[in-house]
Amino acid sequence: MTDHPLAIAAIRFGDGDRIDELLETVVRAVQSRGYPVAGYLQRETPDGPGCCPATFLEDVSSGEQLRITQALGAGSRGCRLDPQALADVSGRLLTVVDSATDLLVLNRFGKGESDGQGFRSVIENACGLGVPVLTAVRATYEPFWNEFTAGTGVFLAADAETVTQWALGSIALRRQKRDAA
């Protein structure tokens, strides 16, 4: 699949884990060391009385927020993810991730990715470039993650220090191998 060793990890998380804050902590720690990071953090905001919150993806480089859920109205129970909006943000990211990117961070490996869509092409592109990939996955989607990564992905505990060490170590290893080539 690639000439580069893969560095791809998912943080296992469940209800009660503050995964979005953890990912933001890791992103800021990596950026504070001057490493270029691409990707999205997830943000939730109220969307009216009786409605589920609206979900936005925040670009880690620019801070721009892009909505990826549909407003289905009060009491709705269907999937709120807007597949077209997710495809749009994925397409944006495909144009940004290049060999100068040191880390790709994605808010989730979830339904879209499990269905063969979402950020899959972005992850594949990053892996082809040797860019380390960090995301988060719920237990529901672990079988799809395992199938997609074909055993090359690792799971990390929902601990900011552990995840930051993984990210910095993956970046250092990639740079070391790139400089040696």
N, C-alpha and C. Protein backbone atom coordinates (compact mmCIF):
# COMPACT_ATOMS: atom_id res chain seq x y z
N MET A 1 0.82 -1.19 0.00
CA MET A 1 0.00 0.00 0.00
C MET A 1 0.87 1.26 0.00
N THR A 2 2.01 1.23 0.67
CA THR A 2 2.86 2.41 0.76
C THR A 2 4.31 2.02 0.96
N ASP A 3 5.21 2.90 0.59
CA ASP A 3 6.63 2.66 0.85
C ASP A 3 7.03 3.17 2.23
N HIS A 4 6.12 3.84 2.90
CA HIS A 4 6.40 4.43 4.21
C HIS A 4 5.88 3.53 5.32
N PRO A 5 6.60 3.46 6.45
CA PRO A 5 6.05 2.73 7.59
C PRO A 5 4.82 3.49 8.10
N LEU A 6 3.76 2.77 8.39
CA LEU A 6 2.53 3.42 8.81
C LEU A 6 2.55 3.73 10.30
N ALA A 7 2.14 4.94 10.61
CA ALA A 7 1.92 5.34 12.00
C ALA A 7 0.46 5.81 12.04
N ILE A 8 -0.40 4.92 12.48
CA ILE A 8 -1.83 5.22 12.50
C ILE A 8 -2.41 4.71 13.81
N ALA A 9 -3.09 5.61 14.52
CA ALA A 9 -3.58 5.25 15.85
C ALA A 9 -4.99 5.80 16.07
N ALA A 10 -5.73 5.07 16.87
CA ALA A 10 -7.07 5.50 17.28
C ALA A 10 -7.14 5.46 18.80
N ILE A 11 -7.75 6.47 19.35
CA ILE A 11 -8.00 6.51 20.79
C ILE A 11 -9.35 5.85 21.02
N ARG A 12 -9.35 4.82 21.84
CA ARG A 12 -10.61 4.18 22.22
C ARG A 12 -11.33 5.11 23.19
N PHE A 13 -12.62 5.32 22.94
CA PHE A 13 -13.35 6.17 23.87
C PHE A 13 -14.81 5.73 23.97
N GLY A 14 -15.43 6.14 25.04
CA GLY A 14 -16.83 5.82 25.26
C GLY A 14 -17.52 7.00 25.92
N ASP A 15 -18.75 6.77 26.32
CA ASP A 15 -19.50 7.81 27.00
C ASP A 15 -18.74 8.27 28.23
N GLY A 16 -18.71 9.55 28.43
CA GLY A 16 -18.02 10.11 29.59
C GLY A 16 -16.58 10.52 29.31
N ASP A 17 -15.98 9.96 28.24
CA ASP A 17 -14.63 10.39 27.87
C ASP A 17 -14.72 11.73 27.15
N ARG A 18 -13.89 12.64 27.54
CA ARG A 18 -13.89 13.98 26.93
C ARG A 18 -12.91 13.98 25.75
N ILE A 19 -13.27 13.20 24.73
CA ILE A 19 -12.37 12.93 23.62
C ILE A 19 -12.02 14.19 22.82
N ASP A 20 -12.97 15.09 22.67
CA ASP A 20 -12.69 16.30 21.88
C ASP A 20 -11.68 17.20 22.59
N GLU A 21 -11.78 17.30 23.90
CA GLU A 21 -10.80 18.06 24.67
C GLU A 21 -9.43 17.40 24.63
N LEU A 22 -9.42 16.07 24.71
CA LEU A 22 -8.15 15.34 24.65
C LEU A 22 -7.46 15.57 23.31
N LEU A 23 -8.20 15.43 22.22
CA LEU A 23 -7.61 15.67 20.90
C LEU A 23 -7.09 17.09 20.77
N GLU A 24 -7.84 18.05 21.29
CA GLU A 24 -7.39 19.44 21.22
C GLU A 24 -6.10 19.64 22.02
N THR A 25 -6.00 19.02 23.18
CA THR A 25 -4.79 19.11 23.99
C THR A 25 -3.58 18.57 23.22
N VAL A 26 -3.77 17.45 22.55
CA VAL A 26 -2.68 16.84 21.78
C VAL A 26 -2.31 17.74 20.60
N VAL A 27 -3.30 18.23 19.86
CA VAL A 27 -3.03 19.11 18.72
C VAL A 27 -2.23 20.32 19.16
N ARG A 28 -2.66 20.97 20.23
CA ARG A 28 -1.98 22.19 20.70
C ARG A 28 -0.56 21.89 21.18
N ALA A 29 -0.37 20.74 21.82
CA ALA A 29 0.97 20.37 22.28
C ALA A 29 1.91 20.15 21.09
N VAL A 30 1.42 19.51 20.05
CA VAL A 30 2.24 19.26 18.86
C VAL A 30 2.50 20.57 18.12
N GLN A 31 1.47 21.40 17.96
CA GLN A 31 1.64 22.69 17.29
C GLN A 31 2.59 23.60 18.05
N SER A 32 2.56 23.54 19.37
CA SER A 32 3.42 24.42 20.17
C SER A 32 4.90 24.11 19.97
N ARG A 33 5.19 22.93 19.43
CA ARG A 33 6.58 22.56 19.13
C ARG A 33 6.95 22.89 17.68
N GLY A 34 6.04 23.56 16.98
CA GLY A 34 6.31 24.01 15.62
C GLY A 34 6.01 23.01 14.52
N TYR A 35 5.36 21.91 14.85
CA TYR A 35 5.04 20.90 13.84
C TYR A 35 3.73 21.24 13.14
N PRO A 36 3.69 21.16 11.81
CA PRO A 36 2.45 21.40 11.08
C PRO A 36 1.45 20.25 11.27
N VAL A 37 0.25 20.60 11.72
CA VAL A 37 -0.81 19.63 11.95
C VAL A 37 -1.99 19.99 11.06
N ALA A 38 -2.59 18.99 10.44
CA ALA A 38 -3.79 19.18 9.64
C ALA A 38 -4.90 18.34 10.27
N GLY A 39 -6.13 18.74 10.03
CA GLY A 39 -7.25 17.93 10.50
C GLY A 39 -8.34 18.75 11.13
N TYR A 40 -9.22 18.03 11.83
CA TYR A 40 -10.41 18.64 12.41
C TYR A 40 -10.64 18.18 13.84
N LEU A 41 -11.13 19.12 14.64
CA LEU A 41 -11.63 18.83 15.98
C LEU A 41 -13.14 18.98 15.94
N GLN A 42 -13.83 18.22 16.75
CA GLN A 42 -15.29 18.27 16.76
C GLN A 42 -15.79 19.25 17.80
N ARG A 43 -16.81 20.02 17.42
CA ARG A 43 -17.46 20.99 18.32
C ARG A 43 -18.96 20.76 18.26
N GLU A 44 -19.60 20.80 19.41
CA GLU A 44 -21.06 20.66 19.50
C GLU A 44 -21.64 21.97 20.03
N THR A 45 -22.73 22.43 19.42
CA THR A 45 -23.41 23.63 19.90
C THR A 45 -24.92 23.38 19.90
N PRO A 46 -25.65 24.02 20.82
CA PRO A 46 -27.11 23.84 20.86
C PRO A 46 -27.73 24.20 19.51
N ASP A 47 -28.80 23.47 19.17
CA ASP A 47 -29.44 23.68 17.87
C ASP A 47 -30.95 23.88 18.02
N GLY A 48 -31.35 24.48 19.11
CA GLY A 48 -32.76 24.77 19.32
C GLY A 48 -33.39 23.85 20.34
N PRO A 49 -34.52 24.29 20.89
CA PRO A 49 -35.20 23.50 21.91
C PRO A 49 -35.64 22.13 21.38
N GLY A 50 -35.33 21.10 22.15
CA GLY A 50 -35.74 19.75 21.81
C GLY A 50 -34.93 19.10 20.71
N CYS A 51 -33.93 19.79 20.19
CA CYS A 51 -33.11 19.24 19.10
C CYS A 51 -31.77 18.77 19.65
N CYS A 52 -31.19 17.84 18.94
CA CYS A 52 -29.82 17.42 19.26
C CYS A 52 -28.88 18.57 18.93
N PRO A 53 -27.71 18.61 19.56
CA PRO A 53 -26.76 19.68 19.24
C PRO A 53 -26.28 19.59 17.79
N ALA A 54 -25.91 20.72 17.24
CA ALA A 54 -25.31 20.76 15.91
C ALA A 54 -23.83 20.39 16.05
N THR A 55 -23.32 19.65 15.10
CA THR A 55 -21.92 19.25 15.12
C THR A 55 -21.16 20.02 14.05
N PHE A 56 -20.06 20.62 14.47
CA PHE A 56 -19.18 21.35 13.58
C PHE A 56 -17.80 20.72 13.65
N LEU A 57 -17.06 20.79 12.55
CA LEU A 57 -15.66 20.41 12.55
C LEU A 57 -14.85 21.69 12.46
N GLU A 58 -13.88 21.81 13.37
CA GLU A 58 -13.01 22.99 13.40
C GLU A 58 -11.66 22.63 12.81
N ASP A 59 -11.27 23.35 11.77
CA ASP A 59 -9.98 23.15 11.13
C ASP A 59 -8.89 23.51 12.14
N VAL A 60 -7.97 22.60 12.42
CA VAL A 60 -6.95 22.82 13.45
C VAL A 60 -5.95 23.89 13.05
N SER A 61 -5.84 24.20 11.77
CA SER A 61 -4.90 25.22 11.32
C SER A 61 -5.52 26.61 11.28
N SER A 62 -6.75 26.71 10.80
CA SER A 62 -7.36 28.02 10.59
C SER A 62 -8.40 28.40 11.65
N GLY A 63 -8.95 27.40 12.33
CA GLY A 63 -10.02 27.66 13.29
C GLY A 63 -11.40 27.74 12.64
N GLU A 64 -11.47 27.64 11.31
CA GLU A 64 -12.76 27.70 10.62
C GLU A 64 -13.63 26.53 11.06
N GLN A 65 -14.92 26.82 11.28
CA GLN A 65 -15.85 25.78 11.69
C GLN A 65 -16.84 25.48 10.57
N LEU A 66 -17.02 24.19 10.29
CA LEU A 66 -17.88 23.74 9.21
C LEU A 66 -18.91 22.76 9.77
N ARG A 67 -20.18 23.02 9.54
CA ARG A 67 -21.24 22.16 10.06
C ARG A 67 -21.31 20.86 9.26
N ILE A 68 -21.43 19.73 9.99
CA ILE A 68 -21.53 18.43 9.32
C ILE A 68 -22.81 17.68 9.69
N THR A 69 -23.72 18.33 10.40
CA THR A 69 -24.99 17.68 10.73
C THR A 69 -26.14 18.46 10.11
N GLN A 70 -27.23 17.73 9.92
CA GLN A 70 -28.45 18.31 9.39
C GLN A 70 -29.38 18.66 10.55
N ALA A 71 -30.10 19.75 10.43
CA ALA A 71 -31.12 20.11 11.41
C ALA A 71 -32.39 19.35 11.05
N LEU A 72 -32.67 18.29 11.78
CA LEU A 72 -33.83 17.45 11.47
C LEU A 72 -35.07 17.82 12.27
N GLY A 73 -34.93 18.75 13.21
CA GLY A 73 -36.09 19.20 13.98
C GLY A 73 -36.21 18.48 15.31
N ALA A 74 -37.07 19.07 16.15
CA ALA A 74 -37.29 18.55 17.50
C ALA A 74 -37.84 17.12 17.45
N GLY A 75 -37.28 16.28 18.32
CA GLY A 75 -37.77 14.91 18.46
C GLY A 75 -37.32 13.93 17.40
N SER A 76 -36.52 14.37 16.44
CA SER A 76 -36.09 13.45 15.39
C SER A 76 -35.13 12.41 15.96
N ARG A 77 -35.13 11.23 15.36
CA ARG A 77 -34.30 10.14 15.86
C ARG A 77 -33.34 9.60 14.79
N GLY A 78 -33.43 10.07 13.58
CA GLY A 78 -32.59 9.56 12.49
C GLY A 78 -31.16 10.07 12.59
N CYS A 79 -30.32 9.56 11.71
CA CYS A 79 -28.93 9.99 11.67
C CYS A 79 -28.86 11.44 11.20
N ARG A 80 -28.19 12.26 11.96
CA ARG A 80 -28.09 13.68 11.65
C ARG A 80 -26.89 14.02 10.79
N LEU A 81 -25.96 13.08 10.63
CA LEU A 81 -24.77 13.35 9.84
C LEU A 81 -25.18 13.70 8.42
N ASP A 82 -24.62 14.78 7.90
CA ASP A 82 -24.88 15.21 6.53
C ASP A 82 -23.75 14.66 5.66
N PRO A 83 -24.02 13.60 4.88
CA PRO A 83 -22.96 12.96 4.10
C PRO A 83 -22.28 13.93 3.12
N GLN A 84 -23.05 14.84 2.53
CA GLN A 84 -22.46 15.79 1.58
C GLN A 84 -21.52 16.75 2.30
N ALA A 85 -21.91 17.22 3.48
CA ALA A 85 -21.04 18.12 4.25
C ALA A 85 -19.75 17.41 4.64
N LEU A 86 -19.87 16.14 5.04
CA LEU A 86 -18.68 15.36 5.40
C LEU A 86 -17.78 15.16 4.18
N ALA A 87 -18.38 14.91 3.02
CA ALA A 87 -17.60 14.77 1.79
C ALA A 87 -16.89 16.08 1.46
N ASP A 88 -17.56 17.20 1.68
CA ASP A 88 -16.95 18.50 1.40
C ASP A 88 -15.74 18.77 2.29
N VAL A 89 -15.86 18.52 3.60
CA VAL A 89 -14.72 18.78 4.49
C VAL A 89 -13.59 17.79 4.22
N SER A 90 -13.95 16.58 3.83
CA SER A 90 -12.93 15.60 3.47
C SER A 90 -12.17 16.06 2.24
N GLY A 91 -12.89 16.56 1.25
CA GLY A 91 -12.26 17.07 0.03
C GLY A 91 -11.33 18.23 0.31
N ARG A 92 -11.75 19.11 1.22
CA ARG A 92 -10.88 20.23 1.61
C ARG A 92 -9.57 19.72 2.20
N LEU A 93 -9.69 18.70 3.05
CA LEU A 93 -8.52 18.17 3.73
C LEU A 93 -7.58 17.46 2.75
N LEU A 94 -8.14 16.81 1.75
CA LEU A 94 -7.30 16.15 0.73
C LEU A 94 -6.38 17.15 0.03
N THR A 95 -6.83 18.39 -0.11
CA THR A 95 -6.00 19.40 -0.79
C THR A 95 -4.94 19.99 0.13
N VAL A 96 -5.06 19.77 1.43
CA VAL A 96 -4.17 20.37 2.41
C VAL A 96 -3.04 19.43 2.85
N VAL A 97 -3.37 18.16 3.05
CA VAL A 97 -2.38 17.21 3.56
C VAL A 97 -1.35 16.91 2.47
N ASP A 98 -0.09 17.18 2.80
CA ASP A 98 1.01 16.89 1.87
C ASP A 98 2.21 16.41 2.66
N SER A 99 3.33 16.23 2.00
CA SER A 99 4.51 15.67 2.66
C SER A 99 5.06 16.58 3.75
N ALA A 100 4.68 17.87 3.76
CA ALA A 100 5.13 18.78 4.81
C ALA A 100 4.30 18.67 6.09
N THR A 101 3.16 17.99 6.00
CA THR A 101 2.31 17.80 7.16
C THR A 101 2.97 16.79 8.09
N ASP A 102 3.07 17.14 9.38
CA ASP A 102 3.69 16.22 10.34
C ASP A 102 2.69 15.32 11.06
N LEU A 103 1.42 15.74 11.11
CA LEU A 103 0.42 14.94 11.81
C LEU A 103 -0.96 15.27 11.25
N LEU A 104 -1.75 14.23 11.02
CA LEU A 104 -3.15 14.39 10.63
C LEU A 104 -4.00 13.94 11.80
N VAL A 105 -4.89 14.83 12.26
CA VAL A 105 -5.79 14.51 13.37
C VAL A 105 -7.22 14.61 12.87
N LEU A 106 -7.97 13.53 13.07
CA LEU A 106 -9.36 13.49 12.66
C LEU A 106 -10.24 13.22 13.86
N ASN A 107 -11.33 13.94 13.96
CA ASN A 107 -12.20 13.88 15.13
C ASN A 107 -12.73 12.48 15.42
N ARG A 108 -13.04 11.71 14.39
CA ARG A 108 -13.60 10.37 14.60
C ARG A 108 -13.32 9.47 13.40
N PHE A 109 -13.25 8.19 13.69
CA PHE A 109 -13.43 7.15 12.68
C PHE A 109 -14.76 6.55 13.07
N GLY A 110 -15.81 6.90 12.32
CA GLY A 110 -17.16 6.52 12.72
C GLY A 110 -17.98 5.94 11.59
N LYS A 111 -19.24 6.31 11.55
CA LYS A 111 -20.18 5.74 10.59
C LYS A 111 -19.75 5.98 9.15
N GLY A 112 -19.39 7.22 8.82
CA GLY A 112 -18.99 7.52 7.44
C GLY A 112 -17.83 6.66 6.99
N GLU A 113 -16.82 6.55 7.82
CA GLU A 113 -15.63 5.77 7.49
C GLU A 113 -15.96 4.28 7.44
N SER A 114 -16.82 3.83 8.35
CA SER A 114 -17.22 2.42 8.38
C SER A 114 -17.99 2.04 7.13
N ASP A 115 -18.70 3.02 6.55
CA ASP A 115 -19.45 2.78 5.32
C ASP A 115 -18.60 2.97 4.06
N GLY A 116 -17.29 3.21 4.24
CA GLY A 116 -16.40 3.37 3.09
C GLY A 116 -16.28 4.79 2.60
N GLN A 117 -16.82 5.73 3.35
CA GLN A 117 -16.81 7.14 2.93
C GLN A 117 -16.04 7.96 3.97
N GLY A 118 -16.57 9.14 4.28
CA GLY A 118 -15.99 9.99 5.32
C GLY A 118 -14.55 10.35 5.02
N PHE A 119 -13.70 10.15 6.00
CA PHE A 119 -12.29 10.53 5.89
C PHE A 119 -11.39 9.40 5.39
N ARG A 120 -11.95 8.32 4.91
CA ARG A 120 -11.11 7.18 4.49
C ARG A 120 -10.07 7.59 3.45
N SER A 121 -10.47 8.34 2.44
CA SER A 121 -9.52 8.71 1.39
C SER A 121 -8.44 9.64 1.94
N VAL A 122 -8.79 10.47 2.91
CA VAL A 122 -7.80 11.37 3.52
C VAL A 122 -6.78 10.54 4.31
N ILE A 123 -7.27 9.55 5.04
CA ILE A 123 -6.37 8.68 5.81
C ILE A 123 -5.45 7.92 4.86
N GLU A 124 -6.02 7.37 3.79
CA GLU A 124 -5.21 6.63 2.82
C GLU A 124 -4.14 7.53 2.20
N ASN A 125 -4.52 8.75 1.85
CA ASN A 125 -3.56 9.70 1.28
C ASN A 125 -2.44 10.00 2.27
N ALA A 126 -2.80 10.27 3.52
CA ALA A 126 -1.80 10.57 4.55
C ALA A 126 -0.85 9.38 4.74
N CYS A 127 -1.40 8.19 4.80
CA CYS A 127 -0.55 7.00 4.96
C CYS A 127 0.39 6.84 3.77
N GLY A 128 -0.11 7.11 2.58
CA GLY A 128 0.73 7.04 1.39
C GLY A 128 1.89 8.01 1.43
N LEU A 129 1.70 9.13 2.11
CA LEU A 129 2.75 10.14 2.27
C LEU A 129 3.62 9.89 3.49
N GLY A 130 3.23 8.91 4.31
CA GLY A 130 3.97 8.63 5.53
C GLY A 130 3.62 9.56 6.68
N VAL A 131 2.51 10.31 6.55
CA VAL A 131 2.09 11.24 7.60
C VAL A 131 1.38 10.45 8.71
N PRO A 132 1.81 10.57 9.97
CA PRO A 132 1.12 9.90 11.06
C PRO A 132 -0.34 10.37 11.16
N VAL A 133 -1.23 9.43 11.46
CA VAL A 133 -2.67 9.71 11.55
C VAL A 133 -3.16 9.36 12.95
N LEU A 134 -3.91 10.30 13.53
CA LEU A 134 -4.50 10.10 14.86
C LEU A 134 -5.99 10.38 14.77
N THR A 135 -6.79 9.47 15.30
CA THR A 135 -8.23 9.66 15.33
C THR A 135 -8.78 9.03 16.61
N ALA A 136 -10.10 8.99 16.71
CA ALA A 136 -10.76 8.39 17.87
C ALA A 136 -11.84 7.44 17.36
N VAL A 137 -12.08 6.37 18.10
CA VAL A 137 -13.07 5.38 17.66
C VAL A 137 -13.83 4.82 18.87
N ARG A 138 -15.12 4.71 18.69
CA ARG A 138 -15.98 4.06 19.70
C ARG A 138 -15.96 2.55 19.46
N ALA A 139 -16.30 1.78 20.48
CA ALA A 139 -16.30 0.32 20.39
C ALA A 139 -17.15 -0.18 19.21
N THR A 140 -18.26 0.49 18.93
CA THR A 140 -19.15 0.11 17.83
C THR A 140 -18.40 0.02 16.50
N TYR A 141 -17.42 0.90 16.32
CA TYR A 141 -16.73 0.99 15.03
C TYR A 141 -15.35 0.33 15.02
N GLU A 142 -14.94 -0.26 16.15
CA GLU A 142 -13.63 -0.91 16.20
C GLU A 142 -13.45 -2.01 15.15
N PRO A 143 -14.45 -2.87 14.91
CA PRO A 143 -14.26 -3.89 13.87
C PRO A 143 -13.98 -3.28 12.49
N PHE A 144 -14.62 -2.18 12.17
CA PHE A 144 -14.40 -1.51 10.89
C PHE A 144 -13.01 -0.88 10.84
N TRP A 145 -12.58 -0.32 11.98
CA TRP A 145 -11.23 0.25 12.09
C TRP A 145 -10.19 -0.84 11.86
N ASN A 146 -10.38 -1.97 12.54
CA ASN A 146 -9.43 -3.08 12.42
C ASN A 146 -9.36 -3.59 10.98
N GLU A 147 -10.50 -3.69 10.33
CA GLU A 147 -10.52 -4.14 8.94
C GLU A 147 -9.84 -3.11 8.04
N PHE A 148 -10.15 -1.84 8.24
CA PHE A 148 -9.58 -0.77 7.41
C PHE A 148 -8.06 -0.68 7.56
N THR A 149 -7.55 -0.79 8.78
CA THR A 149 -6.11 -0.66 9.00
C THR A 149 -5.36 -1.97 8.79
N ALA A 150 -6.08 -3.05 8.59
CA ALA A 150 -5.48 -4.36 8.33
C ALA A 150 -4.39 -4.71 9.34
N GLY A 151 -4.65 -4.40 10.61
CA GLY A 151 -3.71 -4.76 11.66
C GLY A 151 -2.55 -3.80 11.84
N THR A 152 -2.47 -2.73 11.06
CA THR A 152 -1.37 -1.78 11.19
C THR A 152 -1.69 -0.66 12.18
N GLY A 153 -2.97 -0.48 12.49
CA GLY A 153 -3.37 0.57 13.43
C GLY A 153 -3.19 0.14 14.86
N VAL A 154 -2.92 1.10 15.71
CA VAL A 154 -2.80 0.82 17.15
C VAL A 154 -3.90 1.55 17.89
N PHE A 155 -4.24 1.02 19.05
CA PHE A 155 -5.20 1.68 19.92
C PHE A 155 -4.45 2.35 21.06
N LEU A 156 -4.89 3.53 21.40
CA LEU A 156 -4.30 4.29 22.50
C LEU A 156 -5.36 4.53 23.56
N ALA A 157 -4.93 4.58 24.81
CA ALA A 157 -5.84 4.91 25.91
C ALA A 157 -6.21 6.39 25.81
N ALA A 158 -7.35 6.73 26.34
CA ALA A 158 -7.82 8.11 26.33
C ALA A 158 -7.09 8.91 27.41
N ASP A 159 -5.79 9.12 27.18
CA ASP A 159 -4.92 9.82 28.12
C ASP A 159 -4.05 10.79 27.31
N ALA A 160 -4.15 12.07 27.61
CA ALA A 160 -3.47 13.10 26.82
C ALA A 160 -1.96 12.90 26.77
N GLU A 161 -1.35 12.54 27.87
CA GLU A 161 0.11 12.36 27.88
C GLU A 161 0.53 11.19 26.98
N THR A 162 -0.17 10.07 27.08
CA THR A 162 0.14 8.90 26.26
C THR A 162 -0.02 9.22 24.78
N VAL A 163 -1.12 9.90 24.44
CA VAL A 163 -1.39 10.20 23.03
C VAL A 163 -0.39 11.22 22.50
N THR A 164 -0.06 12.21 23.30
CA THR A 164 0.93 13.22 22.87
C THR A 164 2.28 12.56 22.65
N GLN A 165 2.68 11.65 23.54
CA GLN A 165 3.95 10.93 23.36
C GLN A 165 3.94 10.11 22.07
N TRP A 166 2.81 9.45 21.79
CA TRP A 166 2.71 8.69 20.54
C TRP A 166 2.88 9.62 19.34
N ALA A 167 2.18 10.76 19.36
CA ALA A 167 2.24 11.69 18.23
C ALA A 167 3.65 12.23 18.03
N LEU A 168 4.27 12.69 19.09
CA LEU A 168 5.62 13.25 18.98
C LEU A 168 6.64 12.18 18.57
N GLY A 169 6.49 10.99 19.10
CA GLY A 169 7.38 9.89 18.72
C GLY A 169 7.22 9.51 17.26
N SER A 170 5.98 9.49 16.77
CA SER A 170 5.71 9.17 15.36
C SER A 170 6.28 10.23 14.44
N ILE A 171 6.14 11.48 14.83
CA ILE A 171 6.69 12.59 14.04
C ILE A 171 8.22 12.49 14.00
N ALA A 172 8.83 12.26 15.15
CA ALA A 172 10.30 12.17 15.23
C ALA A 172 10.82 11.02 14.38
N LEU A 173 10.17 9.87 14.44
CA LEU A 173 10.59 8.71 13.66
C LEU A 173 10.46 9.00 12.17
N ARG A 174 9.36 9.61 11.77
CA ARG A 174 9.17 9.93 10.36
C ARG A 174 10.23 10.89 9.87
N ARG A 175 10.50 11.93 10.66
CA ARG A 175 11.52 12.92 10.26
C ARG A 175 12.91 12.28 10.20
N GLN A 176 13.20 11.41 11.15
CA GLN A 176 14.49 10.73 11.17
C GLN A 176 14.67 9.88 9.91
N LYS A 177 13.65 9.13 9.55
CA LYS A 177 13.73 8.28 8.36
C LYS A 177 13.78 9.12 7.09
N ARG A 178 13.05 10.21 7.08
CA ARG A 178 13.05 11.10 5.90
C ARG A 178 14.42 11.74 5.73
N ASP A 179 15.02 12.17 6.83
CA ASP A 179 16.34 12.81 6.76
C ASP A 179 17.44 11.83 6.37
N ALA A 180 17.25 10.56 6.74
CA ALA A 180 18.24 9.54 6.42
C ALA A 180 18.18 9.10 4.95
N ALA A 181 17.05 9.36 4.34
CA ALA A 181 16.85 8.89 2.94
C ALA A 181 17.58 9.74 1.93
